[in-house]
mmCIF file of all heavy atoms, coordinates in Angstrom:
data_MODEL
# 
_entry.id   MODEL 
# 
loop_
_atom_site.group_PDB 
_atom_site.id 
_atom_site.type_symbol 
_atom_site.label_atom_id 
_atom_site.label_alt_id 
_atom_site.label_comp_id 
_atom_site.label_asym_id 
_atom_site.label_entity_id 
_atom_site.label_seq_id 
_atom_site.pdbx_PDB_ins_code 
_atom_site.Cartn_x 
_atom_site.Cartn_y 
_atom_site.Cartn_z 
_atom_site.occupancy 
_atom_site.B_iso_or_equiv 
_atom_site.pdbx_formal_charge 
_atom_site.auth_seq_id 
_atom_site.auth_comp_id 
_atom_site.auth_asym_id 
_atom_site.auth_atom_id 
_atom_site.pdbx_PDB_model_num 
ATOM 1   N N   . TYR A 1 1  ? 0.823   -1.198 0.000   1.00 0.00 ? 1  TYR A N   1 
ATOM 2   C CA  . TYR A 1 1  ? 0.000   0.000  0.000   1.00 0.00 ? 1  TYR A CA  1 
ATOM 3   C C   . TYR A 1 1  ? 0.864   1.258  0.000   1.00 0.00 ? 1  TYR A C   1 
ATOM 4   O O   . TYR A 1 1  ? 1.950   1.279  0.584   1.00 0.00 ? 1  TYR A O   1 
ATOM 5   C CB  . TYR A 1 1  ? -0.894  0.044  1.252   1.00 0.00 ? 1  TYR A CB  1 
ATOM 6   C CG  . TYR A 1 1  ? -1.730  -1.176 1.464   1.00 0.00 ? 1  TYR A CG  1 
ATOM 7   C CD1 . TYR A 1 1  ? -1.385  -2.112 2.444   1.00 0.00 ? 1  TYR A CD1 1 
ATOM 8   C CD2 . TYR A 1 1  ? -2.855  -1.421 0.681   1.00 0.00 ? 1  TYR A CD2 1 
ATOM 9   C CE1 . TYR A 1 1  ? -2.150  -3.241 2.644   1.00 0.00 ? 1  TYR A CE1 1 
ATOM 10  C CE2 . TYR A 1 1  ? -3.621  -2.555 0.868   1.00 0.00 ? 1  TYR A CE2 1 
ATOM 11  C CZ  . TYR A 1 1  ? -3.265  -3.468 1.853   1.00 0.00 ? 1  TYR A CZ  1 
ATOM 12  O OH  . TYR A 1 1  ? -4.006  -4.601 2.049   1.00 0.00 ? 1  TYR A OH  1 
ATOM 13  N N   . PHE A 1 2  ? 0.335   2.298  -0.623  1.00 0.00 ? 2  PHE A N   1 
ATOM 14  C CA  . PHE A 1 2  ? 0.809   3.661  -0.409  1.00 0.00 ? 2  PHE A CA  1 
ATOM 15  C C   . PHE A 1 2  ? -0.250  4.393  0.395   1.00 0.00 ? 2  PHE A C   1 
ATOM 16  O O   . PHE A 1 2  ? -1.454  4.170  0.206   1.00 0.00 ? 2  PHE A O   1 
ATOM 17  C CB  . PHE A 1 2  ? 1.045   4.378  -1.743  1.00 0.00 ? 2  PHE A CB  1 
ATOM 18  C CG  . PHE A 1 2  ? 2.372   4.086  -2.360  1.00 0.00 ? 2  PHE A CG  1 
ATOM 19  C CD1 . PHE A 1 2  ? 2.533   3.002  -3.224  1.00 0.00 ? 2  PHE A CD1 1 
ATOM 20  C CD2 . PHE A 1 2  ? 3.475   4.878  -2.089  1.00 0.00 ? 2  PHE A CD2 1 
ATOM 21  C CE1 . PHE A 1 2  ? 3.760   2.722  -3.800  1.00 0.00 ? 2  PHE A CE1 1 
ATOM 22  C CE2 . PHE A 1 2  ? 4.714   4.604  -2.651  1.00 0.00 ? 2  PHE A CE2 1 
ATOM 23  C CZ  . PHE A 1 2  ? 4.861   3.526  -3.508  1.00 0.00 ? 2  PHE A CZ  1 
ATOM 24  N N   . PHE A 1 3  ? 0.208   5.286  1.282   1.00 0.00 ? 3  PHE A N   1 
ATOM 25  C CA  . PHE A 1 3  ? -0.708  6.001  2.172   1.00 0.00 ? 3  PHE A CA  1 
ATOM 26  C C   . PHE A 1 3  ? -0.334  7.483  2.199   1.00 0.00 ? 3  PHE A C   1 
ATOM 27  O O   . PHE A 1 3  ? 0.111   8.003  3.220   1.00 0.00 ? 3  PHE A O   1 
ATOM 28  C CB  . PHE A 1 3  ? -0.635  5.383  3.580   1.00 0.00 ? 3  PHE A CB  1 
ATOM 29  C CG  . PHE A 1 3  ? -1.808  5.688  4.464   1.00 0.00 ? 3  PHE A CG  1 
ATOM 30  C CD1 . PHE A 1 3  ? -3.102  5.358  4.085   1.00 0.00 ? 3  PHE A CD1 1 
ATOM 31  C CD2 . PHE A 1 3  ? -1.607  6.276  5.705   1.00 0.00 ? 3  PHE A CD2 1 
ATOM 32  C CE1 . PHE A 1 3  ? -4.175  5.615  4.917   1.00 0.00 ? 3  PHE A CE1 1 
ATOM 33  C CE2 . PHE A 1 3  ? -2.680  6.540  6.549   1.00 0.00 ? 3  PHE A CE2 1 
ATOM 34  C CZ  . PHE A 1 3  ? -3.965  6.215  6.149   1.00 0.00 ? 3  PHE A CZ  1 
ATOM 35  N N   . PRO A 1 4  ? -0.511  8.169  1.058   1.00 0.00 ? 4  PRO A N   1 
ATOM 36  C CA  . PRO A 1 4  ? -0.084  9.565  0.993   1.00 0.00 ? 4  PRO A CA  1 
ATOM 37  C C   . PRO A 1 4  ? -0.944  10.500 1.840   1.00 0.00 ? 4  PRO A C   1 
ATOM 38  O O   . PRO A 1 4  ? -2.157  10.306 1.966   1.00 0.00 ? 4  PRO A O   1 
ATOM 39  C CB  . PRO A 1 4  ? -0.214  9.900  -0.495  1.00 0.00 ? 4  PRO A CB  1 
ATOM 40  C CG  . PRO A 1 4  ? -1.205  8.925  -1.026  1.00 0.00 ? 4  PRO A CG  1 
ATOM 41  C CD  . PRO A 1 4  ? -1.015  7.676  -0.237  1.00 0.00 ? 4  PRO A CD  1 
ATOM 42  N N   . ASP A 1 5  ? -0.301  11.496 2.377   1.00 0.00 ? 5  ASP A N   1 
ATOM 43  C CA  . ASP A 1 5  ? -0.978  12.578 3.089   1.00 0.00 ? 5  ASP A CA  1 
ATOM 44  C C   . ASP A 1 5  ? -1.464  13.580 2.043   1.00 0.00 ? 5  ASP A C   1 
ATOM 45  O O   . ASP A 1 5  ? -0.674  14.115 1.260   1.00 0.00 ? 5  ASP A O   1 
ATOM 46  C CB  . ASP A 1 5  ? 0.017   13.235 4.054   1.00 0.00 ? 5  ASP A CB  1 
ATOM 47  C CG  . ASP A 1 5  ? -0.578  14.364 4.865   1.00 0.00 ? 5  ASP A CG  1 
ATOM 48  O OD1 . ASP A 1 5  ? -1.194  15.265 4.274   1.00 0.00 ? 5  ASP A OD1 1 
ATOM 49  O OD2 . ASP A 1 5  ? -0.394  14.358 6.098   1.00 0.00 ? 5  ASP A OD2 1 
ATOM 50  N N   . ILE A 1 6  ? -2.783  13.835 2.015   1.00 0.00 ? 6  ILE A N   1 
ATOM 51  C CA  . ILE A 1 6  ? -3.357  14.744 1.021   1.00 0.00 ? 6  ILE A CA  1 
ATOM 52  C C   . ILE A 1 6  ? -3.986  15.957 1.703   1.00 0.00 ? 6  ILE A C   1 
ATOM 53  O O   . ILE A 1 6  ? -4.914  16.564 1.159   1.00 0.00 ? 6  ILE A O   1 
ATOM 54  C CB  . ILE A 1 6  ? -4.379  14.015 0.122   1.00 0.00 ? 6  ILE A CB  1 
ATOM 55  C CG1 . ILE A 1 6  ? -5.439  13.256 0.947   1.00 0.00 ? 6  ILE A CG1 1 
ATOM 56  C CG2 . ILE A 1 6  ? -3.655  13.011 -0.782  1.00 0.00 ? 6  ILE A CG2 1 
ATOM 57  C CD1 . ILE A 1 6  ? -6.614  14.066 1.370   1.00 0.00 ? 6  ILE A CD1 1 
ATOM 58  N N   . SER A 1 7  ? -3.467  16.319 2.880   1.00 0.00 ? 7  SER A N   1 
ATOM 59  C CA  . SER A 1 7  ? -4.030  17.437 3.630   1.00 0.00 ? 7  SER A CA  1 
ATOM 60  C C   . SER A 1 7  ? -3.971  18.744 2.841   1.00 0.00 ? 7  SER A C   1 
ATOM 61  O O   . SER A 1 7  ? -4.725  19.683 3.139   1.00 0.00 ? 7  SER A O   1 
ATOM 62  C CB  . SER A 1 7  ? -3.317  17.594 4.976   1.00 0.00 ? 7  SER A CB  1 
ATOM 63  O OG  . SER A 1 7  ? -1.918  17.675 4.813   1.00 0.00 ? 7  SER A OG  1 
ATOM 64  N N   . HIS A 1 8  ? -3.113  18.824 1.842   1.00 0.00 ? 8  HIS A N   1 
ATOM 65  C CA  . HIS A 1 8  ? -3.044  19.988 0.946   1.00 0.00 ? 8  HIS A CA  1 
ATOM 66  C C   . HIS A 1 8  ? -4.411  20.316 0.348   1.00 0.00 ? 8  HIS A C   1 
ATOM 67  O O   . HIS A 1 8  ? -4.716  21.492 0.078   1.00 0.00 ? 8  HIS A O   1 
ATOM 68  C CB  . HIS A 1 8  ? -2.028  19.695 -0.163  1.00 0.00 ? 8  HIS A CB  1 
ATOM 69  C CG  . HIS A 1 8  ? -1.994  20.713 -1.266  1.00 0.00 ? 8  HIS A CG  1 
ATOM 70  N ND1 . HIS A 1 8  ? -1.345  21.918 -1.140  1.00 0.00 ? 8  HIS A ND1 1 
ATOM 71  C CD2 . HIS A 1 8  ? -2.539  20.694 -2.516  1.00 0.00 ? 8  HIS A CD2 1 
ATOM 72  C CE1 . HIS A 1 8  ? -1.483  22.606 -2.270  1.00 0.00 ? 8  HIS A CE1 1 
ATOM 73  N NE2 . HIS A 1 8  ? -2.195  21.887 -3.121  1.00 0.00 ? 8  HIS A NE2 1 
ATOM 74  N N   . TYR A 1 9  ? -5.239  19.275 0.130   1.00 0.00 ? 9  TYR A N   1 
ATOM 75  C CA  . TYR A 1 9  ? -6.527  19.474 -0.551  1.00 0.00 ? 9  TYR A CA  1 
ATOM 76  C C   . TYR A 1 9  ? -7.707  19.613 0.408   1.00 0.00 ? 9  TYR A C   1 
ATOM 77  O O   . TYR A 1 9  ? -8.807  19.992 -0.020  1.00 0.00 ? 9  TYR A O   1 
ATOM 78  C CB  . TYR A 1 9  ? -6.787  18.306 -1.513  1.00 0.00 ? 9  TYR A CB  1 
ATOM 79  C CG  . TYR A 1 9  ? -5.809  18.271 -2.659  1.00 0.00 ? 9  TYR A CG  1 
ATOM 80  C CD1 . TYR A 1 9  ? -4.714  17.411 -2.630  1.00 0.00 ? 9  TYR A CD1 1 
ATOM 81  C CD2 . TYR A 1 9  ? -5.958  19.118 -3.753  1.00 0.00 ? 9  TYR A CD2 1 
ATOM 82  C CE1 . TYR A 1 9  ? -3.799  17.387 -3.674  1.00 0.00 ? 9  TYR A CE1 1 
ATOM 83  C CE2 . TYR A 1 9  ? -5.043  19.090 -4.804  1.00 0.00 ? 9  TYR A CE2 1 
ATOM 84  C CZ  . TYR A 1 9  ? -3.965  18.227 -4.760  1.00 0.00 ? 9  TYR A CZ  1 
ATOM 85  O OH  . TYR A 1 9  ? -3.062  18.216 -5.789  1.00 0.00 ? 9  TYR A OH  1 
ATOM 86  N N   . ILE A 1 10 ? -7.504  19.281 1.672   1.00 0.00 ? 10 ILE A N   1 
ATOM 87  C CA  . ILE A 1 10 ? -8.611  19.336 2.621   1.00 0.00 ? 10 ILE A CA  1 
ATOM 88  C C   . ILE A 1 10 ? -8.980  20.801 2.899   1.00 0.00 ? 10 ILE A C   1 
ATOM 89  O O   . ILE A 1 10 ? -8.114  21.643 3.145   1.00 0.00 ? 10 ILE A O   1 
ATOM 90  C CB  . ILE A 1 10 ? -8.251  18.600 3.918   1.00 0.00 ? 10 ILE A CB  1 
ATOM 91  C CG1 . ILE A 1 10 ? -8.087  17.095 3.616   1.00 0.00 ? 10 ILE A CG1 1 
ATOM 92  C CG2 . ILE A 1 10 ? -9.318  18.805 4.992   1.00 0.00 ? 10 ILE A CG2 1 
ATOM 93  C CD1 . ILE A 1 10 ? -7.605  16.267 4.780   1.00 0.00 ? 10 ILE A CD1 1 
ATOM 94  N N   . GLY A 1 11 ? -10.271 21.075 2.833   1.00 0.00 ? 11 GLY A N   1 
ATOM 95  C CA  . GLY A 1 11 ? -10.769 22.440 3.010   1.00 0.00 ? 11 GLY A CA  1 
ATOM 96  C C   . GLY A 1 11 ? -10.925 23.190 1.704   1.00 0.00 ? 11 GLY A C   1 
ATOM 97  O O   . GLY A 1 11 ? -11.471 24.299 1.694   1.00 0.00 ? 11 GLY A O   1 
ATOM 98  N N   . LYS A 1 12 ? -10.491 22.593 0.615   1.00 0.00 ? 12 LYS A N   1 
ATOM 99  C CA  . LYS A 1 12 ? -10.630 23.236 -0.686  1.00 0.00 ? 12 LYS A CA  1 
ATOM 100 C C   . LYS A 1 12 ? -11.907 22.769 -1.380  1.00 0.00 ? 12 LYS A C   1 
ATOM 101 O O   . LYS A 1 12 ? -12.523 21.773 -1.005  1.00 0.00 ? 12 LYS A O   1 
ATOM 102 C CB  . LYS A 1 12 ? -9.414  22.925 -1.571  1.00 0.00 ? 12 LYS A CB  1 
ATOM 103 C CG  . LYS A 1 12 ? -8.115  23.524 -1.062  1.00 0.00 ? 12 LYS A CG  1 
ATOM 104 C CD  . LYS A 1 12 ? -6.994  23.313 -2.059  1.00 0.00 ? 12 LYS A CD  1 
ATOM 105 C CE  . LYS A 1 12 ? -5.705  24.005 -1.570  1.00 0.00 ? 12 LYS A CE  1 
ATOM 106 N NZ  . LYS A 1 12 ? -4.606  23.863 -2.559  1.00 0.00 ? 12 LYS A NZ  1 
ATOM 107 N N   . THR A 1 13 ? -12.293 23.501 -2.401  1.00 0.00 ? 13 THR A N   1 
ATOM 108 C CA  . THR A 1 13 ? -13.388 23.095 -3.271  1.00 0.00 ? 13 THR A CA  1 
ATOM 109 C C   . THR A 1 13 ? -12.800 22.799 -4.640  1.00 0.00 ? 13 THR A C   1 
ATOM 110 O O   . THR A 1 13 ? -12.196 23.675 -5.270  1.00 0.00 ? 13 THR A O   1 
ATOM 111 C CB  . THR A 1 13 ? -14.462 24.192 -3.373  1.00 0.00 ? 13 THR A CB  1 
ATOM 112 O OG1 . THR A 1 13 ? -15.012 24.428 -2.068  1.00 0.00 ? 13 THR A OG1 1 
ATOM 113 C CG2 . THR A 1 13 ? -15.587 23.763 -4.306  1.00 0.00 ? 13 THR A CG2 1 
ATOM 114 N N   . LEU A 1 14 ? -12.926 21.560 -5.067  1.00 0.00 ? 14 LEU A N   1 
ATOM 115 C CA  . LEU A 1 14 ? -12.348 21.113 -6.330  1.00 0.00 ? 14 LEU A CA  1 
ATOM 116 C C   . LEU A 1 14 ? -13.471 20.859 -7.329  1.00 0.00 ? 14 LEU A C   1 
ATOM 117 O O   . LEU A 1 14 ? -14.284 19.943 -7.142  1.00 0.00 ? 14 LEU A O   1 
ATOM 118 C CB  . LEU A 1 14 ? -11.524 19.836 -6.133  1.00 0.00 ? 14 LEU A CB  1 
ATOM 119 C CG  . LEU A 1 14 ? -10.417 19.868 -5.068  1.00 0.00 ? 14 LEU A CG  1 
ATOM 120 C CD1 . LEU A 1 14 ? -9.688  18.538 -5.027  1.00 0.00 ? 14 LEU A CD1 1 
ATOM 121 C CD2 . LEU A 1 14 ? -9.437  21.000 -5.332  1.00 0.00 ? 14 LEU A CD2 1 
ATOM 122 N N   . ASP A 1 15 ? -13.525 21.713 -8.335  1.00 0.00 ? 15 ASP A N   1 
ATOM 123 C CA  . ASP A 1 15 ? -14.531 21.550 -9.388  1.00 0.00 ? 15 ASP A CA  1 
ATOM 124 C C   . ASP A 1 15 ? -15.945 21.435 -8.810  1.00 0.00 ? 15 ASP A C   1 
ATOM 125 O O   . ASP A 1 15 ? -16.744 20.594 -9.228  1.00 0.00 ? 15 ASP A O   1 
ATOM 126 C CB  . ASP A 1 15 ? -14.197 20.316 -10.236 1.00 0.00 ? 15 ASP A CB  1 
ATOM 127 C CG  . ASP A 1 15 ? -14.860 20.366 -11.615 1.00 0.00 ? 15 ASP A CG  1 
ATOM 128 O OD1 . ASP A 1 15 ? -15.208 21.480 -12.066 1.00 0.00 ? 15 ASP A OD1 1 
ATOM 129 O OD2 . ASP A 1 15 ? -15.037 19.294 -12.218 1.00 0.00 ? 15 ASP A OD2 1 
ATOM 130 N N   . GLY A 1 16 ? -16.222 22.268 -7.792  1.00 0.00 ? 16 GLY A N   1 
ATOM 131 C CA  . GLY A 1 16 ? -17.542 22.276 -7.159  1.00 0.00 ? 16 GLY A CA  1 
ATOM 132 C C   . GLY A 1 16 ? -17.717 21.260 -6.054  1.00 0.00 ? 16 GLY A C   1 
ATOM 133 O O   . GLY A 1 16 ? -18.784 21.197 -5.431  1.00 0.00 ? 16 GLY A O   1 
ATOM 134 N N   . ASN A 1 17 ? -16.687 20.460 -5.759  1.00 0.00 ? 17 ASN A N   1 
ATOM 135 C CA  . ASN A 1 17 ? -16.761 19.438 -4.714  1.00 0.00 ? 17 ASN A CA  1 
ATOM 136 C C   . ASN A 1 17 ? -16.008 19.916 -3.470  1.00 0.00 ? 17 ASN A C   1 
ATOM 137 O O   . ASN A 1 17 ? -14.792 20.154 -3.539  1.00 0.00 ? 17 ASN A O   1 
ATOM 138 C CB  . ASN A 1 17 ? -16.144 18.123 -5.197  1.00 0.00 ? 17 ASN A CB  1 
ATOM 139 C CG  . ASN A 1 17 ? -16.872 17.539 -6.385  1.00 0.00 ? 17 ASN A CG  1 
ATOM 140 O OD1 . ASN A 1 17 ? -17.831 16.796 -6.233  1.00 0.00 ? 17 ASN A OD1 1 
ATOM 141 N ND2 . ASN A 1 17 ? -16.426 17.894 -7.583  1.00 0.00 ? 17 ASN A ND2 1 
ATOM 142 N N   . GLU A 1 18 ? -16.718 20.048 -2.344  1.00 0.00 ? 18 GLU A N   1 
ATOM 143 C CA  . GLU A 1 18 ? -16.073 20.450 -1.101  1.00 0.00 ? 18 GLU A CA  1 
ATOM 144 C C   . GLU A 1 18 ? -15.332 19.255 -0.519  1.00 0.00 ? 18 GLU A C   1 
ATOM 145 O O   . GLU A 1 18 ? -15.916 18.183 -0.303  1.00 0.00 ? 18 GLU A O   1 
ATOM 146 C CB  . GLU A 1 18 ? -17.107 20.957 -0.103  1.00 0.00 ? 18 GLU A CB  1 
ATOM 147 C CG  . GLU A 1 18 ? -16.491 21.463 1.193   1.00 0.00 ? 18 GLU A CG  1 
ATOM 148 C CD  . GLU A 1 18 ? -17.527 21.895 2.218   1.00 0.00 ? 18 GLU A CD  1 
ATOM 149 O OE1 . GLU A 1 18 ? -18.737 21.787 1.917   1.00 0.00 ? 18 GLU A OE1 1 
ATOM 150 O OE2 . GLU A 1 18 ? -17.123 22.322 3.314   1.00 0.00 ? 18 GLU A OE2 1 
ATOM 151 N N   . ILE A 1 19 ? -14.045 19.425 -0.238  1.00 0.00 ? 19 ILE A N   1 
ATOM 152 C CA  . ILE A 1 19 ? -13.208 18.340 0.286   1.00 0.00 ? 19 ILE A CA  1 
ATOM 153 C C   . ILE A 1 19 ? -13.056 18.549 1.794   1.00 0.00 ? 19 ILE A C   1 
ATOM 154 O O   . ILE A 1 19 ? -12.205 19.322 2.244   1.00 0.00 ? 19 ILE A O   1 
ATOM 155 C CB  . ILE A 1 19 ? -11.839 18.293 -0.407  1.00 0.00 ? 19 ILE A CB  1 
ATOM 156 C CG1 . ILE A 1 19 ? -11.991 18.255 -1.931  1.00 0.00 ? 19 ILE A CG1 1 
ATOM 157 C CG2 . ILE A 1 19 ? -11.034 17.091 0.090   1.00 0.00 ? 19 ILE A CG2 1 
ATOM 158 C CD1 . ILE A 1 19 ? -12.747 17.060 -2.475  1.00 0.00 ? 19 ILE A CD1 1 
ATOM 159 N N   . LYS A 1 20 ? -13.894 17.891 2.561   1.00 0.00 ? 20 LYS A N   1 
ATOM 160 C CA  . LYS A 1 20 ? -13.846 18.039 4.027   1.00 0.00 ? 20 LYS A CA  1 
ATOM 161 C C   . LYS A 1 20 ? -12.827 17.109 4.653   1.00 0.00 ? 20 LYS A C   1 
ATOM 162 O O   . LYS A 1 20 ? -12.309 17.390 5.740   1.00 0.00 ? 20 LYS A O   1 
ATOM 163 C CB  . LYS A 1 20 ? -15.237 17.779 4.623   1.00 0.00 ? 20 LYS A CB  1 
ATOM 164 C CG  . LYS A 1 20 ? -16.310 18.755 4.147   1.00 0.00 ? 20 LYS A CG  1 
ATOM 165 C CD  . LYS A 1 20 ? -17.634 18.534 4.860   1.00 0.00 ? 20 LYS A CD  1 
ATOM 166 C CE  . LYS A 1 20 ? -18.244 17.185 4.515   1.00 0.00 ? 20 LYS A CE  1 
ATOM 167 N NZ  . LYS A 1 20 ? -18.623 17.061 3.087   1.00 0.00 ? 20 LYS A NZ  1 
ATOM 168 N N   . ASP A 1 21 ? -12.577 15.967 4.024   1.00 0.00 ? 21 ASP A N   1 
ATOM 169 C CA  . ASP A 1 21 ? -11.631 14.985 4.567   1.00 0.00 ? 21 ASP A CA  1 
ATOM 170 C C   . ASP A 1 21 ? -11.177 14.076 3.440   1.00 0.00 ? 21 ASP A C   1 
ATOM 171 O O   . ASP A 1 21 ? -11.546 14.264 2.271   1.00 0.00 ? 21 ASP A O   1 
ATOM 172 C CB  . ASP A 1 21 ? -12.262 14.186 5.718   1.00 0.00 ? 21 ASP A CB  1 
ATOM 173 C CG  . ASP A 1 21 ? -13.571 13.507 5.321   1.00 0.00 ? 21 ASP A CG  1 
ATOM 174 O OD1 . ASP A 1 21 ? -13.709 13.080 4.149   1.00 0.00 ? 21 ASP A OD1 1 
ATOM 175 O OD2 . ASP A 1 21 ? -14.477 13.404 6.173   1.00 0.00 ? 21 ASP A OD2 1 
ATOM 176 N N   . ALA A 1 22 ? -10.384 13.080 3.792   1.00 0.00 ? 22 ALA A N   1 
ATOM 177 C CA  . ALA A 1 22 ? -9.808  12.191 2.773   1.00 0.00 ? 22 ALA A CA  1 
ATOM 178 C C   . ALA A 1 22 ? -10.868 11.334 2.084   1.00 0.00 ? 22 ALA A C   1 
ATOM 179 O O   . ALA A 1 22 ? -10.680 10.944 0.931   1.00 0.00 ? 22 ALA A O   1 
ATOM 180 C CB  . ALA A 1 22 ? -8.744  11.297 3.406   1.00 0.00 ? 22 ALA A CB  1 
ATOM 181 N N   . ASP A 1 23 ? -11.975 11.031 2.768   1.00 0.00 ? 23 ASP A N   1 
ATOM 182 C CA  . ASP A 1 23 ? -13.035 10.266 2.117   1.00 0.00 ? 23 ASP A CA  1 
ATOM 183 C C   . ASP A 1 23 ? -13.643 11.059 0.958   1.00 0.00 ? 23 ASP A C   1 
ATOM 184 O O   . ASP A 1 23 ? -13.925 10.499 -0.117  1.00 0.00 ? 23 ASP A O   1 
ATOM 185 C CB  . ASP A 1 23 ? -14.118 9.880  3.124   1.00 0.00 ? 23 ASP A CB  1 
ATOM 186 C CG  . ASP A 1 23 ? -13.668 8.779  4.075   1.00 0.00 ? 23 ASP A CG  1 
ATOM 187 O OD1 . ASP A 1 23 ? -12.507 8.331  3.964   1.00 0.00 ? 23 ASP A OD1 1 
ATOM 188 O OD2 . ASP A 1 23 ? -14.478 8.364  4.934   1.00 0.00 ? 23 ASP A OD2 1 
ATOM 189 N N   . ASP A 1 24 ? -13.874 12.354 1.184   1.00 0.00 ? 24 ASP A N   1 
ATOM 190 C CA  . ASP A 1 24 ? -14.360 13.205 0.096   1.00 0.00 ? 24 ASP A CA  1 
ATOM 191 C C   . ASP A 1 24 ? -13.365 13.223 -1.057  1.00 0.00 ? 24 ASP A C   1 
ATOM 192 O O   . ASP A 1 24 ? -13.749 13.168 -2.235  1.00 0.00 ? 24 ASP A O   1 
ATOM 193 C CB  . ASP A 1 24 ? -14.561 14.641 0.589   1.00 0.00 ? 24 ASP A CB  1 
ATOM 194 C CG  . ASP A 1 24 ? -15.762 14.803 1.497   1.00 0.00 ? 24 ASP A CG  1 
ATOM 195 O OD1 . ASP A 1 24 ? -16.636 13.914 1.505   1.00 0.00 ? 24 ASP A OD1 1 
ATOM 196 O OD2 . ASP A 1 24 ? -15.823 15.813 2.218   1.00 0.00 ? 24 ASP A OD2 1 
ATOM 197 N N   . PHE A 1 25 ? -12.088 13.304 -0.717  1.00 0.00 ? 25 PHE A N   1 
ATOM 198 C CA  . PHE A 1 25 ? -11.054 13.355 -1.746  1.00 0.00 ? 25 PHE A CA  1 
ATOM 199 C C   . PHE A 1 25 ? -11.017 12.055 -2.541  1.00 0.00 ? 25 PHE A C   1 
ATOM 200 O O   . PHE A 1 25 ? -10.897 12.066 -3.769  1.00 0.00 ? 25 PHE A O   1 
ATOM 201 C CB  . PHE A 1 25 ? -9.696  13.635 -1.104  1.00 0.00 ? 25 PHE A CB  1 
ATOM 202 C CG  . PHE A 1 25 ? -8.592  13.833 -2.095  1.00 0.00 ? 25 PHE A CG  1 
ATOM 203 C CD1 . PHE A 1 25 ? -8.456  15.025 -2.787  1.00 0.00 ? 25 PHE A CD1 1 
ATOM 204 C CD2 . PHE A 1 25 ? -7.671  12.824 -2.346  1.00 0.00 ? 25 PHE A CD2 1 
ATOM 205 C CE1 . PHE A 1 25 ? -7.423  15.214 -3.702  1.00 0.00 ? 25 PHE A CE1 1 
ATOM 206 C CE2 . PHE A 1 25 ? -6.646  13.000 -3.259  1.00 0.00 ? 25 PHE A CE2 1 
ATOM 207 C CZ  . PHE A 1 25 ? -6.529  14.199 -3.947  1.00 0.00 ? 25 PHE A CZ  1 
ATOM 208 N N   . ALA A 1 26 ? -11.125 10.909 -1.841  1.00 0.00 ? 26 ALA A N   1 
ATOM 209 C CA  . ALA A 1 26 ? -11.112 9.613  -2.527  1.00 0.00 ? 26 ALA A CA  1 
ATOM 210 C C   . ALA A 1 26 ? -12.294 9.496  -3.484  1.00 0.00 ? 26 ALA A C   1 
ATOM 211 O O   . ALA A 1 26 ? -12.153 8.982  -4.606  1.00 0.00 ? 26 ALA A O   1 
ATOM 212 C CB  . ALA A 1 26 ? -11.143 8.478  -1.503  1.00 0.00 ? 26 ALA A CB  1 
ATOM 213 N N   . MET A 1 27 ? -13.463 9.992  -3.076  1.00 0.00 ? 27 MET A N   1 
ATOM 214 C CA  . MET A 1 27 ? -14.623 9.945  -3.962  1.00 0.00 ? 27 MET A CA  1 
ATOM 215 C C   . MET A 1 27 ? -14.431 10.876 -5.158  1.00 0.00 ? 27 MET A C   1 
ATOM 216 O O   . MET A 1 27 ? -14.817 10.542 -6.282  1.00 0.00 ? 27 MET A O   1 
ATOM 217 C CB  . MET A 1 27 ? -15.886 10.336 -3.187  1.00 0.00 ? 27 MET A CB  1 
ATOM 218 C CG  . MET A 1 27 ? -17.169 10.123 -3.974  1.00 0.00 ? 27 MET A CG  1 
ATOM 219 S SD  . MET A 1 27 ? -17.454 8.379  -4.447  1.00 0.00 ? 27 MET A SD  1 
ATOM 220 C CE  . MET A 1 27 ? -17.858 7.669  -2.828  1.00 0.00 ? 27 MET A CE  1 
# 
């Protein structure tokens, strides 16, 4: 497994998608 830290994206809105946590980012 790789387990990258993606906290850079948490709290951002990506293409209309609010990224509250890593689960949002994975989706």
